[in-house]
Amino acid sequence: MDNKPWAFLFTDRQRAQEYARTIPNSGFVDESGNVLVISTDTQKAIDYLLALASQGVYGLRFNELNGWFSPIENLPAIIKHVNKS
């Protein structure tokens, strides 16, 4: 998006499936009509996302279609804010 690499994240499988089905021929849906979703532990996801930042990924898009987005460099501040709540 905007000629920059982004990571798309979803808070649950249903949101990921909804998004994947809105994009025809995206490669998110297999031949049987199943959406390809990878679930992981939150800390492992955070570590992975921070590693993506060092590889040039610009930002994060949470629950695309009805969510929000942020430059990936803001992830530590977001985590700190969420942990205060």
N, C-alpha and C. Protein backbone atom coordinates (compact mmCIF):
# COMPACT_ATOMS: atom_id res chain seq x y z
N MET A 1 0.85 -1.17 0.00
CA MET A 1 0.00 0.00 0.00
C MET A 1 0.89 1.23 0.00
N ASP A 2 0.48 2.24 -0.76
CA ASP A 2 1.25 3.49 -0.85
C ASP A 2 2.71 3.22 -1.24
N ASN A 3 2.92 2.16 -2.01
CA ASN A 3 4.26 1.76 -2.45
C ASN A 3 5.19 1.43 -1.30
N LYS A 4 4.64 0.96 -0.18
CA LYS A 4 5.42 0.56 0.98
C LYS A 4 4.95 -0.82 1.43
N PRO A 5 5.86 -1.63 1.98
CA PRO A 5 5.44 -2.94 2.50
C PRO A 5 4.77 -2.81 3.86
N TRP A 6 3.65 -3.51 4.03
CA TRP A 6 2.87 -3.51 5.26
C TRP A 6 2.64 -4.94 5.71
N ALA A 7 2.48 -5.14 7.02
CA ALA A 7 2.05 -6.43 7.57
C ALA A 7 0.58 -6.27 7.98
N PHE A 8 -0.23 -7.24 7.62
CA PHE A 8 -1.65 -7.24 7.97
C PHE A 8 -1.86 -8.18 9.16
N LEU A 9 -2.50 -7.66 10.20
CA LEU A 9 -2.73 -8.43 11.42
C LEU A 9 -4.21 -8.41 11.76
N PHE A 10 -4.68 -9.51 12.30
CA PHE A 10 -6.09 -9.61 12.66
C PHE A 10 -6.20 -10.18 14.07
N THR A 11 -7.14 -9.67 14.82
CA THR A 11 -7.30 -10.09 16.21
C THR A 11 -8.00 -11.42 16.35
N ASP A 12 -8.63 -11.90 15.28
CA ASP A 12 -9.24 -13.23 15.32
C ASP A 12 -9.37 -13.78 13.90
N ARG A 13 -9.56 -15.08 13.85
CA ARG A 13 -9.63 -15.80 12.58
C ARG A 13 -10.77 -15.29 11.69
N GLN A 14 -11.91 -14.96 12.28
CA GLN A 14 -13.06 -14.52 11.50
C GLN A 14 -12.76 -13.21 10.75
N ARG A 15 -12.08 -12.29 11.40
CA ARG A 15 -11.74 -11.02 10.74
C ARG A 15 -10.77 -11.26 9.59
N ALA A 16 -9.83 -12.15 9.79
CA ALA A 16 -8.87 -12.48 8.73
C ALA A 16 -9.60 -13.11 7.54
N GLN A 17 -10.52 -14.01 7.82
CA GLN A 17 -11.27 -14.65 6.75
C GLN A 17 -12.14 -13.65 6.00
N GLU A 18 -12.78 -12.76 6.71
CA GLU A 18 -13.61 -11.74 6.07
C GLU A 18 -12.78 -10.88 5.11
N TYR A 19 -11.62 -10.45 5.58
CA TYR A 19 -10.76 -9.63 4.73
C TYR A 19 -10.28 -10.41 3.51
N ALA A 20 -9.82 -11.62 3.73
CA ALA A 20 -9.28 -12.43 2.63
C ALA A 20 -10.30 -12.66 1.53
N ARG A 21 -11.53 -12.83 1.91
CA ARG A 21 -12.58 -13.11 0.93
C ARG A 21 -13.00 -11.86 0.15
N THR A 22 -12.61 -10.68 0.60
CA THR A 22 -12.97 -9.45 -0.12
C THR A 22 -12.01 -9.14 -1.26
N ILE A 23 -10.89 -9.85 -1.33
CA ILE A 23 -9.87 -9.56 -2.34
C ILE A 23 -9.79 -10.74 -3.31
N PRO A 24 -10.45 -10.66 -4.44
CA PRO A 24 -10.41 -11.78 -5.41
C PRO A 24 -8.99 -12.03 -5.91
N ASN A 25 -8.67 -13.29 -6.09
CA ASN A 25 -7.38 -13.71 -6.66
C ASN A 25 -6.19 -13.18 -5.88
N SER A 26 -6.32 -13.08 -4.57
CA SER A 26 -5.25 -12.54 -3.74
C SER A 26 -4.25 -13.60 -3.30
N GLY A 27 -4.62 -14.86 -3.42
CA GLY A 27 -3.77 -15.92 -2.92
C GLY A 27 -4.04 -16.26 -1.47
N PHE A 28 -5.01 -15.59 -0.86
CA PHE A 28 -5.35 -15.85 0.54
C PHE A 28 -6.30 -17.03 0.69
N VAL A 29 -6.97 -17.42 -0.40
CA VAL A 29 -7.97 -18.48 -0.35
C VAL A 29 -7.48 -19.65 -1.20
N ASP A 30 -7.51 -20.85 -0.62
CA ASP A 30 -7.02 -22.01 -1.37
C ASP A 30 -8.10 -22.54 -2.33
N GLU A 31 -7.78 -23.61 -3.05
CA GLU A 31 -8.68 -24.16 -4.07
C GLU A 31 -10.00 -24.64 -3.49
N SER A 32 -10.01 -25.01 -2.20
CA SER A 32 -11.23 -25.49 -1.54
C SER A 32 -12.06 -24.36 -0.96
N GLY A 33 -11.59 -23.13 -1.07
CA GLY A 33 -12.30 -21.99 -0.52
C GLY A 33 -11.94 -21.66 0.91
N ASN A 34 -10.91 -22.34 1.43
CA ASN A 34 -10.45 -22.06 2.79
C ASN A 34 -9.47 -20.90 2.80
N VAL A 35 -9.60 -20.04 3.78
CA VAL A 35 -8.69 -18.91 3.93
C VAL A 35 -7.43 -19.39 4.64
N LEU A 36 -6.29 -18.96 4.12
CA LEU A 36 -5.02 -19.36 4.70
C LEU A 36 -4.66 -18.38 5.82
N VAL A 37 -4.73 -18.85 7.08
CA VAL A 37 -4.49 -18.03 8.26
C VAL A 37 -3.41 -18.69 9.10
N ILE A 38 -2.49 -17.89 9.58
CA ILE A 38 -1.46 -18.38 10.49
C ILE A 38 -1.74 -17.75 11.86
N SER A 39 -1.97 -18.58 12.84
CA SER A 39 -2.17 -18.10 14.21
C SER A 39 -0.88 -18.34 14.99
N THR A 40 -0.59 -17.43 15.91
CA THR A 40 0.63 -17.59 16.70
C THR A 40 0.46 -16.93 18.06
N ASP A 41 1.37 -17.24 18.93
CA ASP A 41 1.46 -16.64 20.24
C ASP A 41 1.76 -15.14 20.10
N THR A 42 1.17 -14.33 20.95
CA THR A 42 1.32 -12.87 20.84
C THR A 42 2.78 -12.44 20.89
N GLN A 43 3.55 -12.94 21.84
CA GLN A 43 4.95 -12.52 21.95
C GLN A 43 5.75 -12.93 20.71
N LYS A 44 5.48 -14.12 20.18
CA LYS A 44 6.17 -14.55 18.96
C LYS A 44 5.81 -13.63 17.80
N ALA A 45 4.55 -13.21 17.74
CA ALA A 45 4.13 -12.29 16.68
C ALA A 45 4.85 -10.95 16.82
N ILE A 46 4.95 -10.44 18.03
CA ILE A 46 5.64 -9.17 18.26
C ILE A 46 7.10 -9.28 17.83
N ASP A 47 7.77 -10.34 18.23
CA ASP A 47 9.17 -10.54 17.86
C ASP A 47 9.32 -10.60 16.34
N TYR A 48 8.41 -11.31 15.69
CA TYR A 48 8.43 -11.43 14.24
C TYR A 48 8.23 -10.08 13.56
N LEU A 49 7.27 -9.31 14.06
CA LEU A 49 7.00 -7.99 13.48
C LEU A 49 8.18 -7.05 13.65
N LEU A 50 8.81 -7.08 14.81
CA LEU A 50 9.98 -6.22 15.01
C LEU A 50 11.11 -6.63 14.08
N ALA A 51 11.24 -7.92 13.81
CA ALA A 51 12.24 -8.38 12.85
C ALA A 51 11.89 -7.90 11.44
N LEU A 52 10.61 -7.89 11.10
CA LEU A 52 10.20 -7.40 9.78
C LEU A 52 10.56 -5.93 9.61
N ALA A 53 10.50 -5.17 10.69
CA ALA A 53 10.85 -3.75 10.62
C ALA A 53 12.30 -3.59 10.17
N SER A 54 13.17 -4.44 10.66
CA SER A 54 14.58 -4.35 10.27
C SER A 54 14.81 -4.81 8.84
N GLN A 55 13.79 -5.44 8.25
CA GLN A 55 13.89 -5.89 6.86
C GLN A 55 13.14 -4.97 5.91
N GLY A 56 12.69 -3.83 6.41
CA GLY A 56 12.08 -2.84 5.53
C GLY A 56 10.57 -2.76 5.51
N VAL A 57 9.88 -3.56 6.35
CA VAL A 57 8.42 -3.44 6.40
C VAL A 57 8.08 -2.11 7.06
N TYR A 58 7.24 -1.33 6.41
CA TYR A 58 6.94 0.02 6.88
C TYR A 58 5.93 0.08 8.02
N GLY A 59 4.83 -0.69 7.89
CA GLY A 59 3.77 -0.50 8.86
C GLY A 59 2.93 -1.73 9.13
N LEU A 60 1.99 -1.53 10.06
CA LEU A 60 1.07 -2.58 10.50
C LEU A 60 -0.35 -2.13 10.22
N ARG A 61 -1.15 -3.04 9.72
CA ARG A 61 -2.56 -2.76 9.47
C ARG A 61 -3.36 -3.78 10.27
N PHE A 62 -4.06 -3.30 11.29
CA PHE A 62 -4.81 -4.16 12.19
C PHE A 62 -6.27 -4.22 11.76
N ASN A 63 -6.78 -5.44 11.62
CA ASN A 63 -8.19 -5.67 11.28
C ASN A 63 -8.63 -4.82 10.09
N GLU A 64 -7.89 -4.94 9.02
CA GLU A 64 -8.18 -4.20 7.78
C GLU A 64 -9.65 -4.34 7.41
N LEU A 65 -10.25 -3.34 6.93
CA LEU A 65 -11.65 -3.13 6.57
C LEU A 65 -12.35 -2.31 7.63
N ASN A 66 -12.03 -2.56 8.89
CA ASN A 66 -12.66 -1.81 9.97
C ASN A 66 -11.70 -1.73 11.15
N GLY A 67 -10.46 -1.33 10.89
CA GLY A 67 -9.46 -1.32 11.93
C GLY A 67 -8.64 -0.05 11.90
N TRP A 68 -7.36 -0.20 12.13
CA TRP A 68 -6.47 0.95 12.17
C TRP A 68 -5.09 0.54 11.69
N PHE A 69 -4.21 1.51 11.52
CA PHE A 69 -2.87 1.23 11.03
C PHE A 69 -1.86 2.15 11.70
N SER A 70 -0.59 1.74 11.62
CA SER A 70 0.47 2.50 12.25
C SER A 70 1.80 2.13 11.62
N PRO A 71 2.73 3.08 11.57
CA PRO A 71 4.10 2.69 11.19
C PRO A 71 4.60 1.64 12.18
N ILE A 72 5.33 0.68 11.70
CA ILE A 72 5.80 -0.41 12.55
C ILE A 72 6.74 0.10 13.65
N GLU A 73 7.38 1.22 13.41
CA GLU A 73 8.29 1.77 14.43
C GLU A 73 7.54 2.19 15.70
N ASN A 74 6.22 2.34 15.61
CA ASN A 74 5.41 2.69 16.78
C ASN A 74 5.01 1.48 17.62
N LEU A 75 5.33 0.27 17.17
CA LEU A 75 4.89 -0.94 17.87
C LEU A 75 5.33 -0.97 19.33
N PRO A 76 6.57 -0.66 19.68
CA PRO A 76 6.93 -0.68 21.11
C PRO A 76 6.07 0.28 21.95
N ALA A 77 5.77 1.46 21.43
CA ALA A 77 4.92 2.41 22.17
C ALA A 77 3.49 1.90 22.29
N ILE A 78 2.99 1.26 21.25
CA ILE A 78 1.64 0.69 21.29
C ILE A 78 1.56 -0.40 22.35
N ILE A 79 2.55 -1.26 22.38
CA ILE A 79 2.58 -2.36 23.37
C ILE A 79 2.64 -1.78 24.78
N LYS A 80 3.47 -0.77 24.97
CA LYS A 80 3.59 -0.15 26.29
C LYS A 80 2.25 0.44 26.72
N HIS A 81 1.57 1.10 25.80
CA HIS A 81 0.26 1.70 26.11
C HIS A 81 -0.77 0.62 26.44
N VAL A 82 -0.82 -0.43 25.67
CA VAL A 82 -1.79 -1.51 25.91
C VAL A 82 -1.52 -2.18 27.25
N ASN A 83 -0.26 -2.37 27.59
CA ASN A 83 0.07 -3.03 28.86
C ASN A 83 -0.27 -2.17 30.09
N LYS A 84 -0.42 -0.87 29.89
CA LYS A 84 -0.82 0.01 31.00
C LYS A 84 -2.30 -0.15 31.32
N SER A 85 -3.08 -0.54 30.31
CA SER A 85 -4.54 -0.61 30.47
C SER A 85 -4.96 -1.73 31.38
